[in-house]
Each structure stands twice: as C-alpha cells, then as structure tokens.
C-alpha atoms as a PDB file:
ATOM      1  CA  MET A   1     114.247 -30.084 -86.245  1.00  0.00           C
ATOM      2  CA  THR A   2     110.878 -31.254 -87.560  1.00  0.00           C
ATOM      3  CA  THR A   3     109.863 -32.543 -90.987  1.00  0.00           C
ATOM      4  CA  LEU A   4     107.658 -29.476 -91.451  1.00  0.00           C
ATOM      5  CA  GLN A   5     110.595 -27.152 -90.825  1.00  0.00           C
ATOM      6  CA  LEU A   6     112.765 -29.169 -93.186  1.00  0.00           C
ATOM      7  CA  ILE A   7     110.226 -29.040 -96.022  1.00  0.00           C
ATOM      8  CA  GLY A   8     109.658 -25.332 -95.428  1.00  0.00           C
ATOM      9  CA  LEU A   9     113.380 -24.618 -95.617  1.00  0.00           C
ATOM     10  CA  ALA A  10     113.755 -26.725 -98.759  1.00  0.00           C
ATOM     11  CA  ILE A  11     110.948 -24.853-100.502  1.00  0.00           C
ATOM     12  CA  VAL A  12     112.452 -21.501 -99.518  1.00  0.00           C
ATOM     13  CA  GLN A  13     115.882 -22.602-100.758  1.00  0.00           C
ATOM     14  CA  GLY A  14     114.564 -24.056-104.007  1.00  0.00           C
ATOM     15  CA  LEU A  15     112.516 -20.969-104.817  1.00  0.00           C
ATOM     16  CA  THR A  16     115.225 -18.438-104.014  1.00  0.00           C
ATOM     17  CA  GLU A  17     118.632 -19.935-104.904  1.00  0.00           C
ATOM     18  CA  PHE A  18     118.480 -19.174-108.614  1.00  0.00           C
ATOM     19  CA  LEU A  19     116.224 -16.150-108.403  1.00  0.00           C
ATOM     20  CA  PRO A  20     118.209 -12.958-107.694  1.00  0.00           C
ATOM     21  CA  VAL A  21     116.608 -12.482-104.263  1.00  0.00           C
ATOM     22  CA  SER A  22     119.089 -14.181-101.860  1.00  0.00           C
ATOM     23  CA  SER A  23     118.459 -17.723-100.671  1.00  0.00           C
ATOM     24  CA  SER A  24     120.771 -17.353 -97.661  1.00  0.00           C
ATOM     25  CA  GLY A  25     118.918 -14.235 -96.568  1.00  0.00           C
ATOM     26  CA  HIS A  26     115.544 -15.948 -96.874  1.00  0.00           C
ATOM     27  CA  LEU A  27     116.771 -18.977 -94.920  1.00  0.00           C
ATOM     28  CA  VAL A  28     117.742 -16.686 -92.040  1.00  0.00           C
ATOM     29  CA  LEU A  29     114.405 -14.877 -92.249  1.00  0.00           C
ATOM     30  CA  PHE A  30     112.540 -18.187 -92.206  1.00  0.00           C
ATOM     31  CA  ALA A  31     113.732 -18.765 -88.653  1.00  0.00           C
ATOM     32  CA  GLU A  32     113.274 -15.104 -87.726  1.00  0.00           C
ATOM     33  CA  PHE A  33     109.590 -15.014 -88.672  1.00  0.00           C
ATOM     34  CA  THR A  34     108.490 -18.518 -87.685  1.00  0.00           C
ATOM     35  CA  ALA A  35     108.462 -20.460 -84.431  1.00  0.00           C
ATOM     36  CA  PHE A  36     111.398 -22.577 -85.615  1.00  0.00           C
ATOM     37  CA  GLN A  37     114.937 -22.160 -84.320  1.00  0.00           C
ATOM     38  CA  ASP A  38     117.669 -20.975 -86.669  1.00  0.00           C
ATOM     39  CA  GLN A  39     118.834 -24.072 -88.552  1.00  0.00           C
ATOM     40  CA  GLY A  40     122.453 -22.885 -88.711  1.00  0.00           C
ATOM     41  CA  LEU A  41     125.021 -22.676 -91.480  1.00  0.00           C
ATOM     42  CA  ALA A  42     125.512 -26.454 -91.813  1.00  0.00           C
ATOM     43  CA  MET A  43     121.859 -27.013 -92.709  1.00  0.00           C
ATOM     44  CA  ASP A  44     121.945 -24.005 -95.049  1.00  0.00           C
ATOM     45  CA  VAL A  45     124.836 -25.641 -96.899  1.00  0.00           C
ATOM     46  CA  ALA A  46     122.959 -28.961 -97.095  1.00  0.00           C
ATOM     47  CA  LEU A  47     120.026 -27.133 -98.686  1.00  0.00           C
ATOM     48  CA  HIS A  48     122.411 -25.542-101.187  1.00  0.00           C
ATOM     49  CA  ILE A  49     123.756 -28.999-102.068  1.00  0.00           C
ATOM     50  CA  GLY A  50     120.265 -29.897-103.290  1.00  0.00           C
ATOM     51  CA  SER A  51     120.358 -26.854-105.559  1.00  0.00           C
ATOM     52  CA  LEU A  52     123.792 -27.927-106.777  1.00  0.00           C
ATOM     53  CA  LEU A  53     122.423 -31.321-107.842  1.00  0.00           C
ATOM     54  CA  ALA A  54     119.686 -29.552-109.793  1.00  0.00           C
ATOM     55  CA  VAL A  55     122.287 -27.500-111.692  1.00  0.00           C
ATOM     56  CA  LEU A  56     124.362 -30.598-112.468  1.00  0.00           C
ATOM     57  CA  ILE A  57     121.354 -32.364-113.933  1.00  0.00           C
ATOM     58  CA  TYR A  58     119.892 -29.432-115.854  1.00  0.00           C
ATOM     59  CA  PHE A  59     123.227 -28.397-117.390  1.00  0.00           C
ATOM     60  CA  HIS A  60     124.671 -31.907-117.686  1.00  0.00           C
ATOM     61  CA  LYS A  61     125.515 -31.476-121.396  1.00  0.00           C
ATOM     62  CA  THR A  62     127.375 -28.220-120.786  1.00  0.00           C
ATOM     63  CA  ILE A  63     129.199 -29.635-117.777  1.00  0.00           C
ATOM     64  CA  TRP A  64     130.175 -32.763-119.703  1.00  0.00           C
ATOM     65  CA  SER A  65     131.478 -30.514-122.491  1.00  0.00           C
ATOM     66  CA  MET A  66     133.602 -28.664-119.921  1.00  0.00           C
ATOM     67  CA  ILE A  67     134.998 -31.923-118.537  1.00  0.00           C
ATOM     68  CA  LYS A  68     135.802 -33.229-122.021  1.00  0.00           C
ATOM     69  CA  GLY A  69     137.411 -29.919-122.904  1.00  0.00           C
ATOM     70  CA  LEU A  70     139.701 -30.141-119.913  1.00  0.00           C
ATOM     71  CA  LEU A  71     140.599 -33.789-120.511  1.00  0.00           C
ATOM     72  CA  THR A  72     141.210 -33.269-124.236  1.00  0.00           C
ATOM     73  CA  ASP A  73     143.835 -30.635-123.485  1.00  0.00           C
ATOM     74  CA  LYS A  74     145.261 -32.558-120.516  1.00  0.00           C
ATOM     75  CA  LEU A  75     143.899 -29.968-118.046  1.00  0.00           C
ATOM     76  CA  LEU A  76     145.861 -27.179-119.754  1.00  0.00           C
ATOM     77  CA  PRO A  77     144.016 -23.981-120.800  1.00  0.00           C
ATOM     78  CA  ASN A  78     142.997 -23.794-124.451  1.00  0.00           C
ATOM     79  CA  PHE A  79     140.516 -21.023-125.196  1.00  0.00           C
ATOM     80  CA  ASN A  80     140.034 -22.292-128.743  1.00  0.00           C
ATOM     81  CA  ASN A  81     138.214 -25.238-127.172  1.00  0.00           C
ATOM     82  CA  THR A  82     134.742 -24.025-126.098  1.00  0.00           C
ATOM     83  CA  GLY A  83     134.348 -26.488-123.236  1.00  0.00           C
ATOM     84  CA  ASN A  84     137.878 -25.915-121.989  1.00  0.00           C
ATOM     85  CA  LYS A  85     137.423 -22.129-122.079  1.00  0.00           C
ATOM     86  CA  LEU A  86     134.163 -22.194-120.135  1.00  0.00           C
ATOM     87  CA  ALA A  87     135.655 -24.536-117.526  1.00  0.00           C
ATOM     88  CA  TYR A  88     138.622 -22.227-116.958  1.00  0.00           C
ATOM     89  CA  LEU A  89     136.413 -19.140-116.793  1.00  0.00           C
ATOM     90  CA  ILE A  90     134.348 -20.850-114.069  1.00  0.00           C
ATOM     91  CA  ILE A  91     137.521 -21.832-112.200  1.00  0.00           C
ATOM     92  CA  ILE A  92     138.955 -18.315-112.438  1.00  0.00           C
ATOM     93  CA  ALA A  93     135.680 -16.724-111.335  1.00  0.00           C
ATOM     94  CA  SER A  94     135.512 -19.059-108.315  1.00  0.00           C
ATOM     95  CA  ILE A  95     138.935 -18.221-106.879  1.00  0.00           C
ATOM     96  CA  PRO A  96     138.069 -14.865-105.220  1.00  0.00           C
ATOM     97  CA  ALA A  97     135.094 -16.369-103.338  1.00  0.00           C
ATOM     98  CA  PHE A  98     137.229 -19.315-102.176  1.00  0.00           C
ATOM     99  CA  ILE A  99     139.818 -16.948-100.694  1.00  0.00           C
ATOM    100  CA  VAL A 100     137.363 -14.542 -99.062  1.00  0.00           C
ATOM    101  CA  GLY A 101     135.101 -17.383 -97.894  1.00  0.00           C
ATOM    102  CA  PHE A 102     138.021 -19.137 -96.194  1.00  0.00           C
ATOM    103  CA  LEU A 103     139.031 -15.943 -94.402  1.00  0.00           C
ATOM    104  CA  LEU A 104     135.473 -15.219 -93.234  1.00  0.00           C
ATOM    105  CA  HIS A 105     135.015 -18.824 -92.126  1.00  0.00           C
ATOM    106  CA  SER A 106     138.134 -18.515 -89.986  1.00  0.00           C
ATOM    107  CA  TYR A 107     136.699 -15.500 -88.165  1.00  0.00           C
ATOM    108  CA  GLY A 108     133.123 -16.806 -88.003  1.00  0.00           C
ATOM    109  CA  MET A 109     130.135 -15.743 -90.060  1.00  0.00           C
ATOM    110  CA  GLU A 110     127.207 -16.140 -87.662  1.00  0.00           C
ATOM    111  CA  TRP A 111     127.205 -12.414 -86.888  1.00  0.00           C
ATOM    112  CA  LEU A 112     126.182 -11.730 -90.489  1.00  0.00           C
ATOM    113  CA  ARG A 113     122.893 -13.610 -90.006  1.00  0.00           C
ATOM    114  CA  ASN A 114     121.142 -10.422 -88.945  1.00  0.00           C
ATOM    115  CA  PRO A 115     117.827  -9.002 -90.254  1.00  0.00           C
ATOM    116  CA  LYS A 116     119.294  -5.476 -90.268  1.00  0.00           C
ATOM    117  CA  ILE A 117     122.155  -6.509 -92.526  1.00  0.00           C
ATOM    118  CA  ILE A 118     119.832  -8.563 -94.733  1.00  0.00           C
ATOM    119  CA  GLY A 119     117.389  -5.663 -95.079  1.00  0.00           C
ATOM    120  CA  TRP A 120     120.051  -3.281 -96.379  1.00  0.00           C
ATOM    121  CA  THR A 121     121.716  -5.813 -98.681  1.00  0.00           C
ATOM    122  CA  ILE A 122     118.429  -6.988-100.187  1.00  0.00           C
ATOM    123  CA  LEU A 123     117.409  -3.377-100.852  1.00  0.00           C
ATOM    124  CA  GLY A 124     120.762  -2.023-102.008  1.00  0.00           C
ATOM    125  CA  TYR A 125     121.773  -4.826-104.322  1.00  0.00           C
ATOM    126  CA  GLY A 126     118.220  -5.057-105.640  1.00  0.00           C
ATOM    127  CA  LEU A 127     118.472  -1.446-106.835  1.00  0.00           C
ATOM    128  CA  LEU A 128     121.897  -2.174-108.313  1.00  0.00           C
ATOM    129  CA  LEU A 129     120.393  -5.090-110.269  1.00  0.00           C
ATOM    130  CA  TYR A 130     117.745  -2.722-111.625  1.00  0.00           C
ATOM    131  CA  PHE A 131     120.324  -0.302-113.043  1.00  0.00           C
ATOM    132  CA  ALA A 132     122.456  -3.112-114.466  1.00  0.00           C
ATOM    133  CA  ASP A 133     119.488  -4.752-116.164  1.00  0.00           C
ATOM    134  CA  LYS A 134     118.015  -1.499-117.462  1.00  0.00           C
ATOM    135  CA  TYR A 135     121.192   0.056-118.847  1.00  0.00           C
ATOM    136  CA  GLY A 136     123.352  -2.991-119.565  1.00  0.00           C
ATOM    137  CA  LYS A 137     123.641  -4.029-123.200  1.00  0.00           C
ATOM    138  CA  LEU A 138     122.311  -7.338-124.493  1.00  0.00           C
ATOM    139  CA  ASP A 139     124.838  -8.053-127.229  1.00  0.00           C
ATOM    140  CA  ARG A 140     127.162 -10.497-125.465  1.00  0.00           C
ATOM    141  CA  THR A 141     126.803 -14.206-124.745  1.00  0.00           C
ATOM    142  CA  GLU A 142     128.653 -16.725-122.632  1.00  0.00           C
ATOM    143  CA  ALA A 143     131.018 -17.342-125.580  1.00  0.00           C
ATOM    144  CA  ASP A 144     132.145 -13.685-125.490  1.00  0.00           C
ATOM    145  CA  LEU A 145     133.305 -13.771-121.872  1.00  0.00           C
ATOM    146  CA  THR A 146     136.993 -13.109-121.230  1.00  0.00           C
ATOM    147  CA  ILE A 147     139.345 -13.740-118.309  1.00  0.00           C
ATOM    148  CA  LYS A 148     138.818 -10.134-117.204  1.00  0.00           C
ATOM    149  CA  ASP A 149     135.041 -10.681-117.187  1.00  0.00           C
ATOM    150  CA  ALA A 150     135.461 -13.862-115.126  1.00  0.00           C
ATOM    151  CA  VAL A 151     137.609 -12.042-112.561  1.00  0.00           C
ATOM    152  CA  LEU A 152     135.077  -9.205-112.230  1.00  0.00           C
ATOM    153  CA  ILE A 153     132.141 -11.617-111.854  1.00  0.00           C
ATOM    154  CA  GLY A 154     134.176 -13.667-109.371  1.00  0.00           C
ATOM    155  CA  CYS A 155     134.990 -10.600-107.267  1.00  0.00           C
ATOM    156  CA  ALA A 156     131.309  -9.650-107.292  1.00  0.00           C
ATOM    157  CA  GLN A 157     130.444 -13.146-106.051  1.00  0.00           C
ATOM    158  CA  CYS A 158     132.473 -12.481-102.880  1.00  0.00           C
ATOM    159  CA  LEU A 159     129.807  -9.994-101.801  1.00  0.00           C
ATOM    160  CA  ALA A 160     127.292 -12.844-101.715  1.00  0.00           C
ATOM    161  CA  LEU A 161     128.967 -14.186 -98.585  1.00  0.00           C
ATOM    162  CA  ILE A 162     126.912 -11.498 -96.837  1.00  0.00           C
ATOM    163  CA  PRO A 163     123.331 -12.813 -96.416  1.00  0.00           C
ATOM    164  CA  GLY A 164     120.803 -10.816 -98.411  1.00  0.00           C
ATOM    165  CA  THR A 165     123.174  -9.966-101.256  1.00  0.00           C
ATOM    166  CA  SER A 166     122.214 -13.011-103.386  1.00  0.00           C
ATOM    167  CA  ARG A 167     124.959 -14.984-105.091  1.00  0.00           C
ATOM    168  CA  SER A 168     122.961 -15.314-108.295  1.00  0.00           C
ATOM    169  CA  GLY A 169     121.775 -11.714-108.042  1.00  0.00           C
ATOM    170  CA  ILE A 170     125.202 -10.119-107.687  1.00  0.00           C
ATOM    171  CA  THR A 171     126.874 -12.272-110.353  1.00  0.00           C
ATOM    172  CA  ILE A 172     124.001 -11.629-112.761  1.00  0.00           C
ATOM    173  CA  THR A 173     124.257  -7.912-111.954  1.00  0.00           C
ATOM    174  CA  MET A 174     127.939  -7.838-112.863  1.00  0.00           C
ATOM    175  CA  ALA A 175     127.342  -9.875-116.019  1.00  0.00           C
ATOM    176  CA  ARG A 176     124.579  -7.463-117.080  1.00  0.00           C
ATOM    177  CA  PHE A 177     126.889  -4.490-116.475  1.00  0.00           C
ATOM    178  CA  LEU A 178     129.333  -6.274-118.792  1.00  0.00           C
ATOM    179  CA  GLY A 179     126.642  -6.499-121.487  1.00  0.00           C
ATOM    180  CA  VAL A 180     125.821 -10.210-121.220  1.00  0.00           C
ATOM    181  CA  ASN A 181     122.199 -10.920-122.148  1.00  0.00           C
ATOM    182  CA  ARG A 182     119.766 -11.988-119.433  1.00  0.00           C
ATOM    183  CA  SER A 183     119.490 -15.733-120.042  1.00  0.00           C
ATOM    184  CA  GLU A 184     123.227 -16.165-120.655  1.00  0.00           C
ATOM    185  CA  ALA A 185     124.037 -14.171-117.511  1.00  0.00           C
ATOM    186  CA  ALA A 186     121.732 -16.442-115.503  1.00  0.00           C
ATOM    187  CA  LYS A 187     123.272 -19.569-117.046  1.00  0.00           C
ATOM    188  CA  PHE A 188     126.845 -18.504-116.210  1.00  0.00           C
ATOM    189  CA  SER A 189     125.725 -17.616-112.692  1.00  0.00           C
ATOM    190  CA  MET A 190     124.183 -21.055-112.199  1.00  0.00           C
ATOM    191  CA  LEU A 191     127.286 -22.829-113.499  1.00  0.00           C
ATOM    192  CA  LEU A 192     129.416 -20.655-111.234  1.00  0.00           C
ATOM    193  CA  SER A 193     127.461 -21.963-108.252  1.00  0.00           C
ATOM    194  CA  VAL A 194     128.865 -25.479-108.769  1.00  0.00           C
ATOM    195  CA  PRO A 195     132.427 -25.080-107.383  1.00  0.00           C
ATOM    196  CA  THR A 196     131.310 -22.571-104.732  1.00  0.00           C
ATOM    197  CA  ILE A 197     128.535 -24.741-103.287  1.00  0.00           C
ATOM    198  CA  LEU A 198     130.647 -27.885-103.677  1.00  0.00           C
ATOM    199  CA  ALA A 199     133.469 -26.376-101.617  1.00  0.00           C
ATOM    200  CA  ALA A 200     131.056 -25.210 -98.908  1.00  0.00           C
ATOM    201  CA  GLY A 201     129.423 -28.649 -98.941  1.00  0.00           C
ATOM    202  CA  VAL A 202     132.735 -30.415 -98.355  1.00  0.00           C
ATOM    203  CA  PHE A 203     133.480 -28.207 -95.323  1.00  0.00           C
ATOM    204  CA  ALA A 204     129.980 -28.694 -93.910  1.00  0.00           C
ATOM    205  CA  ALA A 205     130.030 -32.469 -94.476  1.00  0.00           C
ATOM    206  CA  TYR A 206     133.425 -32.707 -92.769  1.00  0.00           C
ATOM    207  CA  GLY A 207     132.037 -30.803 -89.797  1.00  0.00           C
ATOM    208  CA  LEU A 208     129.001 -33.083 -89.481  1.00  0.00           C
ATOM    209  CA  PHE A 209     131.036 -36.289 -89.726  1.00  0.00           C
ATOM    210  CA  LYS A 210     133.566 -34.926 -87.259  1.00  0.00           C
ATOM    211  CA  GLU A 211     130.749 -34.302 -84.779  1.00  0.00           C
ATOM    212  CA  GLY A 212     129.476 -37.835 -85.377  1.00  0.00           C
ATOM    213  CA  ASN A 213     125.863 -36.677 -85.178  1.00  0.00           C
ATOM    214  CA  SER A 214     124.041 -39.283 -87.289  1.00  0.00           C
ATOM    215  CA  THR A 215     120.691 -37.542 -86.822  1.00  0.00           C
ATOM    216  CA  ALA A 216     122.056 -34.279 -88.179  1.00  0.00           C
ATOM    217  CA  ILE A 217     123.538 -36.115 -91.155  1.00  0.00           C
ATOM    218  CA  LEU A 218     120.163 -37.704 -91.979  1.00  0.00           C
ATOM    219  CA  TRP A 219     118.409 -34.343 -91.660  1.00  0.00           C
ATOM    220  CA  ALA A 220     121.000 -32.804 -93.994  1.00  0.00           C
ATOM    221  CA  ALA A 221     120.469 -35.583 -96.570  1.00  0.00           C
ATOM    222  CA  ASP A 222     116.692 -35.074 -96.474  1.00  0.00           C
ATOM    223  CA  ALA A 223     117.161 -31.309 -96.779  1.00  0.00           C
ATOM    224  CA  ALA A 224     119.304 -31.743 -99.887  1.00  0.00           C
ATOM    225  CA  LEU A 225     116.700 -34.035-101.489  1.00  0.00           C
ATOM    226  CA  TYR A 226     113.762 -31.689-100.902  1.00  0.00           C
ATOM    227  CA  SER A 227     115.806 -28.692-102.003  1.00  0.00           C
ATOM    228  CA  PHE A 228     116.798 -30.475-105.211  1.00  0.00           C
ATOM    229  CA  MET A 229     113.154 -31.086-106.147  1.00  0.00           C
ATOM    230  CA  ALA A 230     112.227 -27.438-105.658  1.00  0.00           C
ATOM    231  CA  SER A 231     115.380 -26.122-107.354  1.00  0.00           C
ATOM    232  CA  ILE A 232     115.024 -28.083-110.587  1.00  0.00           C
ATOM    233  CA  VAL A 233     111.545 -26.635-111.126  1.00  0.00           C
ATOM    234  CA  VAL A 234     112.790 -23.084-110.549  1.00  0.00           C
ATOM    235  CA  ILE A 235     115.696 -23.454-113.004  1.00  0.00           C
ATOM    236  CA  PHE A 236     113.330 -24.477-115.789  1.00  0.00           C
ATOM    237  CA  ALA A 237     110.935 -21.630-114.996  1.00  0.00           C
ATOM    238  CA  MET A 238     113.645 -18.993-114.541  1.00  0.00           C
ATOM    239  CA  LEU A 239     115.432 -19.593-117.837  1.00  0.00           C
ATOM    240  CA  LYS A 240     112.149 -19.734-119.725  1.00  0.00           C
ATOM    241  CA  TRP A 241     111.057 -16.442-118.141  1.00  0.00           C
ATOM    242  CA  LEU A 242     114.281 -14.634-119.076  1.00  0.00           C
ATOM    243  CA  LYS A 243     113.909 -15.405-122.779  1.00  0.00           C
ATOM    244  CA  LYS A 244     111.099 -12.833-122.949  1.00  0.00           C
ATOM    245  CA  SER A 245     111.175 -10.806-119.726  1.00  0.00           C
ATOM    246  CA  THR A 246     113.407  -8.692-117.464  1.00  0.00           C
ATOM    247  CA  TYR A 247     114.532  -8.872-113.840  1.00  0.00           C
ATOM    248  CA  LEU A 248     112.165  -6.055-112.824  1.00  0.00           C
ATOM    249  CA  PRO A 249     109.709  -8.238-110.805  1.00  0.00           C
ATOM    250  CA  PHE A 250     112.592  -9.484-108.660  1.00  0.00           C
ATOM    251  CA  VAL A 251     113.838  -5.922-108.137  1.00  0.00           C
ATOM    252  CA  ILE A 252     110.371  -4.809-106.978  1.00  0.00           C
ATOM    253  CA  TYR A 253     110.185  -7.762-104.594  1.00  0.00           C
ATOM    254  CA  ARG A 254     113.625  -6.962-103.170  1.00  0.00           C
ATOM    255  CA  VAL A 255     112.788  -3.299-102.641  1.00  0.00           C
ATOM    256  CA  ILE A 256     109.543  -4.106-100.827  1.00  0.00           C
ATOM    257  CA  LEU A 257     111.160  -6.806 -98.674  1.00  0.00           C
ATOM    258  CA  GLY A 258     114.253  -4.715 -97.958  1.00  0.00           C
ATOM    259  CA  VAL A 259     112.244  -1.696 -96.826  1.00  0.00           C
ATOM    260  CA  ALA A 260     109.980  -3.908 -94.697  1.00  0.00           C
ATOM    261  CA  LEU A 261     112.981  -5.533 -92.997  1.00  0.00           C
ATOM    262  CA  ILE A 262     114.617  -2.188 -92.293  1.00  0.00           C
ATOM    263  CA  ILE A 263     111.398  -0.901 -90.725  1.00  0.00           C
ATOM    264  CA  TYR A 264     111.056  -4.100 -88.681  1.00  0.00           C
ATOM    265  CA  SER A 265     114.706  -4.249 -87.592  1.00  0.00           C
ATOM    266  CA  TYR A 266     114.951  -0.643 -86.477  1.00  0.00           C
ATOM    267  CA  GLU A 267     111.425  -0.636 -85.019  1.00  0.00           C
ATOM    268  CA  LEU A 268     110.573   2.496 -86.994  1.00  0.00           C
ATOM    269  CA  PHE A 269     106.843   2.003 -86.439  1.00  0.00           C
END
C-alpha cells in the first residue's frame, strides 16, 4: 500500500461515511476503478475508526451526558433520565447488527464486495431514502424515540452490512419513515455508529495483532488519522446542510451511480 492510496481511501471514507451514500461501497469501488489493489476489510475498518473518533469529538457533550446518565442510575435503565434513555436506545438499536454481523463474519463477507451488488443496493436504497424523506413527517425529535423505534432502526442497520446500502443512509431512512426530522435522524444515526464501528474495530485490531504485521498496523493507524480529519469536516457540513435542506441531492447521486454501476457490471453497453 502506498501513501497516495491511503490518503485517497481516507478522503473517500471521510466524505461518504456520514453522507447517506455508502462508505463501504465507495471503498470497494475505489479499488475497482483505480490501479490500486483492494485494501481489504481490515483497512476498511481502520478507516471507519477514524470516522468514529470524529463522532466522539463532535458529539462529546451528548456522549458524556449518556455516560453520566448510565452511571447515575448504576447502569440500570431509567427513561426519565435523558442521557440514560438515549444510551439505552443506542444499545438496543445496536444489538441486531451485532448478531447479524457476527453470523456473516463467521461465513465470510468478501463475496459481498462486488460491483453488481453495490450497484443495486446504492440504487434501491437511494430510492427508498427518497420516499422516506419526501413522505415522512418532521414532527419528532431524538427525545421522542421509543424502544420500538430503536429496534426498527437497529434492524434496518443490519442491511448496511451489505456494501452499497449505507449504514447512515438506511438508519436515516428508517428514522424518516418514523417521522424523525432530518437533522435529528442524522444525529441518531451518527451516534449509532459508535458501538457498531467500535465492535468492528476491536475484531480488526485483534486480527492485525494476531498476524503480527507491524507494517499493516502502522498503515491502519495512518488510515484512521487521515479518515478522522476528513470525517470531522463532513459532520459539521452535513448537520448544517440538513437544517435547511433535504436528502434529495444524495438520492440523485445514488441513482446516477447505481445505474452506472449496473451498466458497467453487466456490460450492457
């Protein structure tokens, strides 16, 4: 792996992780349409760790409130405590992806890194986002979320294990169907990324240390750093954009990219 490839991957990850366009899909396509070899799942996870750090820093007050809420009630659920409630909703919403992710990891996930699959998922779930954003109500906030909402959003997140779906895109889509306004849906989606990416990061780090490949570990650390720098910029821009605008530009991008990938993959022209 070269420094140029590493920086390119980090930029792609930073730009796409929190936009509803699929970072994992774009990371696969980066190798597909450049001279670089596929960087593999371990490097993808390292890039996501950089995005995780960006979320922790940007939402540090909210996350600290969640931690205090849990500690105040001795880790027991108390939905009258705002921080405690949000923490438990994030935990509940993370469980389905943990279960499905573990099962898929056991059977191997490399076969999903396919331009044909990515083309259809980018297109299909892009259209689904359009309908959710257009017809979903805007009268609910993060504070209105219930356990049922968390379970539904968590089940939707499982679909993001397929490259091209977009973890942020599919969780935002479900939140919009549930009537959560755009900026609050994006915020919950970003917070939901914390346990998911953290769990994947632990597995990937264990694999790298088990291999004892010091070079790969250094590359992964650099990837996380570059990804963090790109991700923090995108979080600021994304949340500012959603205060006044819709998800339509991202839907248009997904439709164009999805159709182009389908044409390319099936050699229709």
